[in-house]
Amino acid sequence: MRGRVRAQRRTITARLHAIGGLRSVALRCSGLCLAAVCGCNGQKVGPSDAPPASLAQVLPQEPPTLPDASRRIGLQVTIDGVTQSATGLLIADGTIRLSIGDASDGSALLQLVGDVVETNSYIAGGGTIYGEACASSPPARFCGQPSPAEFQLPTEDNSKGTIWVTTTAGQETWTWQTYPWNPLYEFPRALPWDAVKGLYSIRGTELAGDAGTVLTIDGQGRLFFQSSETGCTGNGTMVLRPDEDADLYDVSLTIEGCAGAYAYLNNRFEGLSMVDNDSACTGCWDDGVGLLDTPTFWLSVPTGVAALSFSADPVH
């Protein structure tokens, strides 16, 4: 137990370094709020056009921690006056992955990949905005040019937060708003691989193509797909996260053979997955289609510029 506590403390310290570089974590004010949205008298003010000097300046009486639980999150993100839906995962180790918006083929437009810390009232963190659906013409924003982002978000229901995105053209300020924040339901227990293995129809990504693409998951969590339309072949694994007794998976996926505009996908992706298998709560964890046993993936190239998020419906 002591070893686990020491390991978690090291993890929290590493996350703080990743988020703010521990840039002057000075307790300049009192009260439970972020420098971005609170004045030194503890009164909330409106969102700023510029991020605070350090998003590590979380200002509770107690230091910020990792999230107390993993959760599926659903938000609305407003970019240039246009509101987009966004869904993703916030993991207890501080990882956040969020797919934002829909392209004409149902693909996500953007993906936020980052790290967070949490207080009683906020999450705060930093990461990268990636473009998705980059084989489209014209390609989506941020394709080939990921942009750093910092953000804060209240954990109250129906609250607004801010994302500051630094692009080649300058800084942009986006807003995001929570639905009811706390998880409606805990993550369901993971199914045995014998129940997960099978054939799935990929959707919500240009990988699917007009003719559709079938994803195979075998009894050891190995992944395979091949698209005659895009030329893409994928091989990978999904592994239950060892630190949580929940329906959460670490994923590695290597894509090869993509031709033409899809060639940017030829790389190794890493990320997260979950499988909606909670029969007592149809629709709580899925993306609105209402099918059970549907894997959803949030993936990106660790040292590259590409990202993918998609679902795969069971083929019966």
Protein backbone atom coordinates (compact mmCIF):
# COMPACT_ATOMS: atom_id res chain seq x y z
CA MET A 1 0.00 0.00 0.00
CA ARG A 2 2.80 2.46 0.90
CA GLY A 3 4.40 1.74 -2.47
CA ARG A 4 1.15 2.55 -4.27
CA VAL A 5 0.79 5.83 -2.34
CA ARG A 6 4.37 6.84 -3.19
CA ALA A 7 3.79 5.93 -6.83
CA GLN A 8 0.62 8.04 -6.97
CA ARG A 9 2.43 11.02 -5.46
CA ARG A 10 5.11 10.70 -8.15
CA THR A 11 2.39 10.52 -10.79
CA ILE A 12 0.67 13.67 -9.50
CA THR A 13 4.00 15.52 -9.51
CA ALA A 14 4.68 14.38 -13.08
CA ARG A 15 1.22 15.54 -14.20
CA LEU A 16 1.76 18.94 -12.63
CA HIS A 17 5.07 19.24 -14.48
CA ALA A 18 3.35 18.22 -17.72
CA ILE A 19 0.53 20.70 -17.29
CA GLY A 20 2.23 23.79 -16.05
CA GLY A 21 5.88 22.97 -15.81
CA LEU A 22 5.29 23.81 -12.17
CA ARG A 23 5.46 27.39 -13.35
CA SER A 24 5.40 29.36 -10.10
CA VAL A 25 2.67 27.47 -8.31
CA ALA A 26 2.31 30.43 -6.01
CA LEU A 27 -0.73 30.69 -3.78
CA ARG A 28 -1.32 34.32 -4.61
CA CYS A 29 -4.94 34.29 -3.51
CA SER A 30 -7.09 32.31 -1.16
CA GLY A 31 -10.25 30.41 -2.00
CA LEU A 32 -11.09 27.37 -4.10
CA CYS A 33 -10.82 28.67 -7.66
CA LEU A 34 -8.48 29.05 -10.60
CA ALA A 35 -6.43 32.10 -11.39
CA ALA A 36 -8.15 32.13 -14.77
CA VAL A 37 -11.60 32.82 -13.37
CA CYS A 38 -11.15 34.27 -9.90
CA GLY A 39 -9.79 37.52 -8.65
CA CYS A 40 -7.63 37.70 -5.55
CA ASN A 41 -10.72 38.60 -3.52
CA GLY A 42 -12.16 35.19 -4.41
CA GLN A 43 -14.85 36.69 -6.66
CA LYS A 44 -15.48 35.02 -10.00
CA VAL A 45 -14.94 37.07 -13.11
CA GLY A 46 -15.70 36.40 -16.75
CA PRO A 47 -13.50 34.26 -18.98
CA SER A 48 -10.33 35.97 -20.12
CA ASP A 49 -9.09 36.25 -23.67
CA ALA A 50 -5.66 35.23 -22.41
CA PRO A 51 -4.71 32.23 -20.29
CA PRO A 52 -3.31 32.79 -16.82
CA ALA A 53 0.42 32.94 -16.34
CA SER A 54 0.21 29.34 -15.18
CA LEU A 55 -2.64 26.87 -15.17
CA ALA A 56 -0.75 25.16 -12.35
CA GLN A 57 -1.96 28.08 -10.22
CA VAL A 58 -4.89 26.20 -8.81
CA LEU A 59 -5.82 27.96 -5.64
CA PRO A 60 -7.41 25.65 -3.07
CA GLN A 61 -6.32 25.33 0.52
CA GLU A 62 -5.24 21.80 -0.40
CA PRO A 63 -3.06 21.03 -3.45
CA PRO A 64 -4.67 19.80 -6.64
CA THR A 65 -4.82 16.05 -7.15
CA LEU A 66 -5.49 13.58 -9.89
CA PRO A 67 -9.19 13.03 -10.69
CA ASP A 68 -10.91 10.93 -8.04
CA ALA A 69 -12.50 8.62 -10.62
CA SER A 70 -12.53 7.82 -14.32
CA ARG A 71 -15.59 9.04 -16.15
CA ARG A 72 -17.16 9.41 -19.57
CA ILE A 73 -17.70 13.08 -20.30
CA GLY A 74 -20.07 14.84 -22.68
CA LEU A 75 -19.69 18.55 -23.41
CA GLN A 76 -20.55 21.34 -25.79
CA VAL A 77 -17.60 23.25 -27.27
CA THR A 78 -18.11 26.63 -28.96
CA ILE A 79 -15.51 27.59 -31.57
CA ASP A 80 -15.89 30.83 -33.56
CA GLY A 81 -19.51 31.06 -32.48
CA VAL A 82 -20.37 27.51 -33.62
CA THR A 83 -21.32 25.01 -30.94
CA GLN A 84 -20.14 21.43 -31.42
CA SER A 85 -20.85 18.31 -29.39
CA ALA A 86 -17.87 16.60 -27.75
CA THR A 87 -17.48 13.23 -26.04
CA GLY A 88 -14.54 11.56 -24.41
CA LEU A 89 -12.87 10.11 -21.34
CA LEU A 90 -11.33 11.63 -18.24
CA ILE A 91 -9.18 8.97 -16.57
CA ALA A 92 -8.14 8.74 -12.92
CA ASP A 93 -4.46 8.94 -13.93
CA GLY A 94 -5.08 12.49 -15.22
CA THR A 95 -5.46 11.69 -18.93
CA ILE A 96 -8.18 13.43 -20.94
CA ARG A 97 -9.22 12.61 -24.52
CA LEU A 98 -12.09 14.41 -26.18
CA SER A 99 -13.39 14.21 -29.77
CA ILE A 100 -15.09 17.40 -30.94
CA GLY A 101 -17.63 17.99 -33.72
CA ASP A 102 -18.79 16.05 -36.77
CA ALA A 103 -17.58 16.24 -40.34
CA SER A 104 -19.96 15.52 -43.21
CA ASP A 105 -19.18 11.79 -43.00
CA GLY A 106 -19.69 11.67 -39.24
CA SER A 107 -15.98 11.83 -38.41
CA ALA A 108 -14.85 14.00 -35.53
CA LEU A 109 -13.30 17.31 -36.56
CA LEU A 110 -10.81 17.66 -33.71
CA GLN A 111 -9.38 15.73 -30.79
CA LEU A 112 -8.06 17.17 -27.52
CA VAL A 113 -5.37 15.03 -25.88
CA GLY A 114 -4.04 16.25 -22.57
CA ASP A 115 -3.40 15.92 -18.86
CA VAL A 116 -5.39 17.38 -15.97
CA VAL A 117 -5.42 17.93 -12.25
CA GLU A 118 -8.59 18.44 -10.26
CA THR A 119 -9.84 20.38 -7.24
CA ASN A 120 -13.26 20.35 -5.63
CA SER A 121 -14.49 22.87 -8.19
CA TYR A 122 -12.38 22.63 -11.35
CA ILE A 123 -10.24 20.58 -13.62
CA ALA A 124 -7.32 22.36 -15.23
CA GLY A 125 -4.69 21.20 -17.65
CA GLY A 126 -2.89 21.38 -20.93
CA GLY A 127 -2.47 19.33 -24.06
CA THR A 128 -2.71 19.33 -27.84
CA ILE A 129 -5.49 19.91 -30.38
CA TYR A 130 -5.27 17.54 -33.38
CA GLY A 131 -7.25 17.67 -36.60
CA GLU A 132 -9.23 14.60 -37.69
CA ALA A 133 -10.77 13.60 -41.04
CA CYS A 134 -7.67 15.01 -42.72
CA ALA A 135 -8.20 13.16 -46.01
CA SER A 136 -11.22 15.34 -46.72
CA SER A 137 -11.05 18.25 -49.13
CA PRO A 138 -10.54 20.80 -47.80
CA PRO A 139 -9.00 19.13 -44.74
CA ALA A 140 -10.29 19.94 -41.30
CA ARG A 141 -8.61 22.54 -39.14
CA PHE A 142 -5.36 21.57 -37.41
CA CYS A 143 -4.62 18.82 -39.92
CA GLY A 144 -0.84 18.54 -40.08
CA GLN A 145 -0.52 21.39 -37.57
CA PRO A 146 -1.44 20.36 -34.02
CA SER A 147 -1.75 23.26 -31.63
CA PRO A 148 -1.03 23.49 -27.91
CA ALA A 149 -3.96 24.24 -25.64
CA GLU A 150 -4.57 25.07 -21.99
CA PHE A 151 -7.94 24.83 -20.32
CA GLN A 152 -10.02 25.09 -17.18
CA LEU A 153 -13.50 23.73 -16.58
CA PRO A 154 -15.76 23.98 -13.52
CA THR A 155 -17.07 20.66 -12.29
CA GLU A 156 -20.50 22.07 -11.49
CA ASP A 157 -23.44 21.06 -13.68
CA ASN A 158 -24.11 23.27 -16.71
CA SER A 159 -21.03 25.42 -16.14
CA LYS A 160 -18.82 27.13 -18.70
CA GLY A 161 -15.05 26.89 -18.93
CA THR A 162 -12.36 28.13 -21.28
CA ILE A 163 -9.89 26.56 -23.71
CA TRP A 164 -6.99 28.71 -24.88
CA VAL A 165 -5.53 27.44 -28.18
CA THR A 166 -2.28 28.79 -29.61
CA THR A 167 -2.27 28.58 -33.42
CA THR A 168 0.12 29.83 -36.08
CA ALA A 169 -2.28 32.75 -36.62
CA GLY A 170 -2.43 33.67 -32.95
CA GLN A 171 -4.34 32.72 -29.84
CA GLU A 172 -7.97 31.60 -29.88
CA THR A 173 -10.35 31.41 -26.96
CA TRP A 174 -12.96 28.66 -27.02
CA THR A 175 -15.63 27.95 -24.46
CA TRP A 176 -16.93 24.59 -23.31
CA GLN A 177 -19.94 23.80 -21.20
CA THR A 178 -20.71 20.82 -19.04
CA TYR A 179 -23.87 18.81 -19.05
CA PRO A 180 -24.56 17.27 -15.64
CA TRP A 181 -20.92 16.76 -14.71
CA ASN A 182 -20.71 13.91 -12.27
CA PRO A 183 -20.89 10.48 -13.88
CA LEU A 184 -24.47 9.29 -14.13
CA TYR A 185 -23.19 5.78 -13.70
CA GLU A 186 -19.84 4.28 -12.86
CA PHE A 187 -18.02 2.47 -15.63
CA PRO A 188 -19.42 -1.02 -15.99
CA ARG A 189 -17.26 -4.02 -15.23
CA ALA A 190 -15.28 -5.29 -18.20
CA LEU A 191 -16.67 -8.20 -20.17
CA PRO A 192 -14.58 -11.36 -20.62
CA TRP A 193 -12.76 -11.47 -23.96
CA ASP A 194 -15.01 -14.28 -25.13
CA ALA A 195 -17.88 -11.79 -25.00
CA VAL A 196 -15.90 -8.97 -26.65
CA LYS A 197 -14.34 -10.90 -29.51
CA GLY A 198 -16.13 -10.73 -32.85
CA LEU A 199 -16.69 -8.62 -35.95
CA TYR A 200 -17.51 -4.90 -35.79
CA SER A 201 -18.48 -2.33 -38.41
CA ILE A 202 -16.34 0.80 -38.08
CA ARG A 203 -18.17 4.13 -38.22
CA GLY A 204 -17.47 7.77 -37.41
CA THR A 205 -14.14 7.89 -39.23
CA GLU A 206 -12.90 8.24 -42.79
CA LEU A 207 -11.22 4.85 -42.28
CA ALA A 208 -14.62 3.26 -42.85
CA GLY A 209 -14.87 4.48 -46.45
CA ASP A 210 -18.12 4.43 -48.40
CA ALA A 211 -18.10 0.64 -48.62
CA GLY A 212 -17.56 0.15 -44.89
CA THR A 213 -14.71 -1.49 -43.00
CA VAL A 214 -14.90 -4.45 -40.62
CA LEU A 215 -12.83 -4.52 -37.41
CA THR A 216 -11.96 -7.92 -35.93
CA ILE A 217 -11.28 -8.31 -32.20
CA ASP A 218 -10.06 -11.74 -31.13
CA GLY A 219 -10.09 -13.49 -27.76
CA GLN A 220 -6.78 -11.91 -26.70
CA GLY A 221 -7.78 -8.35 -27.57
CA ARG A 222 -5.91 -8.25 -30.87
CA LEU A 223 -7.29 -5.85 -33.49
CA PHE A 224 -7.31 -6.14 -37.27
CA PHE A 225 -8.99 -4.33 -40.16
CA GLN A 226 -8.38 -3.88 -43.88
CA SER A 227 -10.09 -1.38 -46.18
CA SER A 228 -10.19 -2.01 -49.90
CA GLU A 229 -11.23 1.59 -50.47
CA THR A 230 -8.54 3.44 -48.51
CA GLY A 231 -5.86 0.74 -48.69
CA CYS A 232 -5.42 0.99 -44.92
CA THR A 233 -4.56 -2.12 -42.90
CA GLY A 234 -4.60 -1.95 -39.12
CA ASN A 235 -3.08 -4.30 -36.53
CA GLY A 236 -3.11 -3.65 -32.82
CA THR A 237 -4.10 -4.58 -29.30
CA MET A 238 -6.51 -3.41 -26.63
CA VAL A 239 -5.51 -4.28 -23.07
CA LEU A 240 -7.58 -3.82 -19.92
CA ARG A 241 -6.08 -1.09 -17.78
CA PRO A 242 -4.43 -2.82 -14.83
CA ASP A 243 -5.16 -0.06 -12.34
CA GLU A 244 -8.94 -0.09 -12.64
CA ASP A 245 -11.57 -2.82 -12.44
CA ALA A 246 -13.57 -1.13 -15.18
CA ASP A 247 -14.41 -1.23 -18.85
CA LEU A 248 -11.36 0.79 -19.91
CA TYR A 249 -8.61 -0.29 -22.28
CA ASP A 250 -5.19 0.92 -23.37
CA VAL A 251 -4.95 0.66 -27.16
CA SER A 252 -2.07 0.44 -29.61
CA LEU A 253 -2.84 0.40 -33.34
CA THR A 254 -0.39 0.39 -36.26
CA ILE A 255 -1.86 1.48 -39.61
CA GLU A 256 -0.10 0.74 -42.89
CA GLY A 257 -0.79 0.77 -46.60
CA CYS A 258 -3.05 3.83 -46.68
CA ALA A 259 -2.97 5.36 -50.15
CA GLY A 260 -3.37 8.87 -51.54
CA ALA A 261 -4.94 11.38 -49.18
CA TYR A 262 -5.14 8.70 -46.48
CA ALA A 263 -1.36 8.20 -46.36
CA TYR A 264 -1.05 10.51 -43.35
CA LEU A 265 -2.61 7.69 -41.28
CA ASN A 266 0.36 5.35 -41.85
CA ASN A 267 1.71 5.39 -38.33
CA ARG A 268 1.42 3.88 -34.86
CA PHE A 269 -1.46 5.22 -32.78
CA GLU A 270 -1.97 4.97 -29.03
CA GLY A 271 -4.92 5.84 -26.85
CA LEU A 272 -7.95 4.60 -24.98
CA SER A 273 -11.08 2.58 -25.58
CA MET A 274 -14.23 1.59 -23.76
CA VAL A 275 -16.97 -0.90 -24.64
CA ASP A 276 -20.58 0.03 -23.89
CA ASN A 277 -21.82 -3.11 -22.16
CA ASP A 278 -24.12 -1.79 -19.43
CA SER A 279 -27.47 -3.38 -20.28
CA ALA A 280 -29.05 -1.63 -17.29
CA CYS A 281 -28.28 1.74 -18.82
CA THR A 282 -28.73 1.67 -22.58
CA GLY A 283 -27.61 5.01 -23.95
CA CYS A 284 -25.66 6.08 -20.85
CA TRP A 285 -22.30 5.23 -22.38
CA ASP A 286 -22.89 5.02 -26.10
CA ASP A 287 -22.79 7.91 -28.58
CA GLY A 288 -26.50 8.06 -29.24
CA VAL A 289 -26.88 5.03 -31.49
CA GLY A 290 -28.10 2.89 -28.60
CA LEU A 291 -26.25 -0.33 -29.43
CA LEU A 292 -24.63 -2.34 -26.66
CA ASP A 293 -21.17 -3.92 -26.80
CA THR A 294 -19.90 -1.10 -29.02
CA PRO A 295 -16.19 -0.28 -28.68
CA THR A 296 -15.26 3.40 -28.98
CA PHE A 297 -11.67 4.51 -29.56
CA TRP A 298 -9.76 7.76 -28.98
CA LEU A 299 -6.30 7.49 -30.57
CA SER A 300 -3.41 9.71 -31.62
CA VAL A 301 0.20 9.42 -32.81
CA PRO A 302 2.37 10.06 -29.73
CA THR A 303 5.07 11.99 -31.61
CA GLY A 304 3.15 12.90 -34.75
CA VAL A 305 0.30 14.95 -36.10
CA ALA A 306 -2.58 12.51 -36.65
CA ALA A 307 -5.53 11.50 -34.49
CA LEU A 308 -8.52 9.17 -34.83
CA SER A 309 -11.71 8.64 -32.85
CA PHE A 310 -14.37 6.17 -33.94
CA SER A 311 -16.90 3.57 -32.84
CA ALA A 312 -17.42 0.02 -34.07
CA ASP A 313 -20.86 -1.59 -34.04
CA PRO A 314 -21.18 -5.36 -33.57
CA VAL A 315 -21.99 -7.26 -36.75
CA HIS A 316 -24.73 -9.76 -36.03
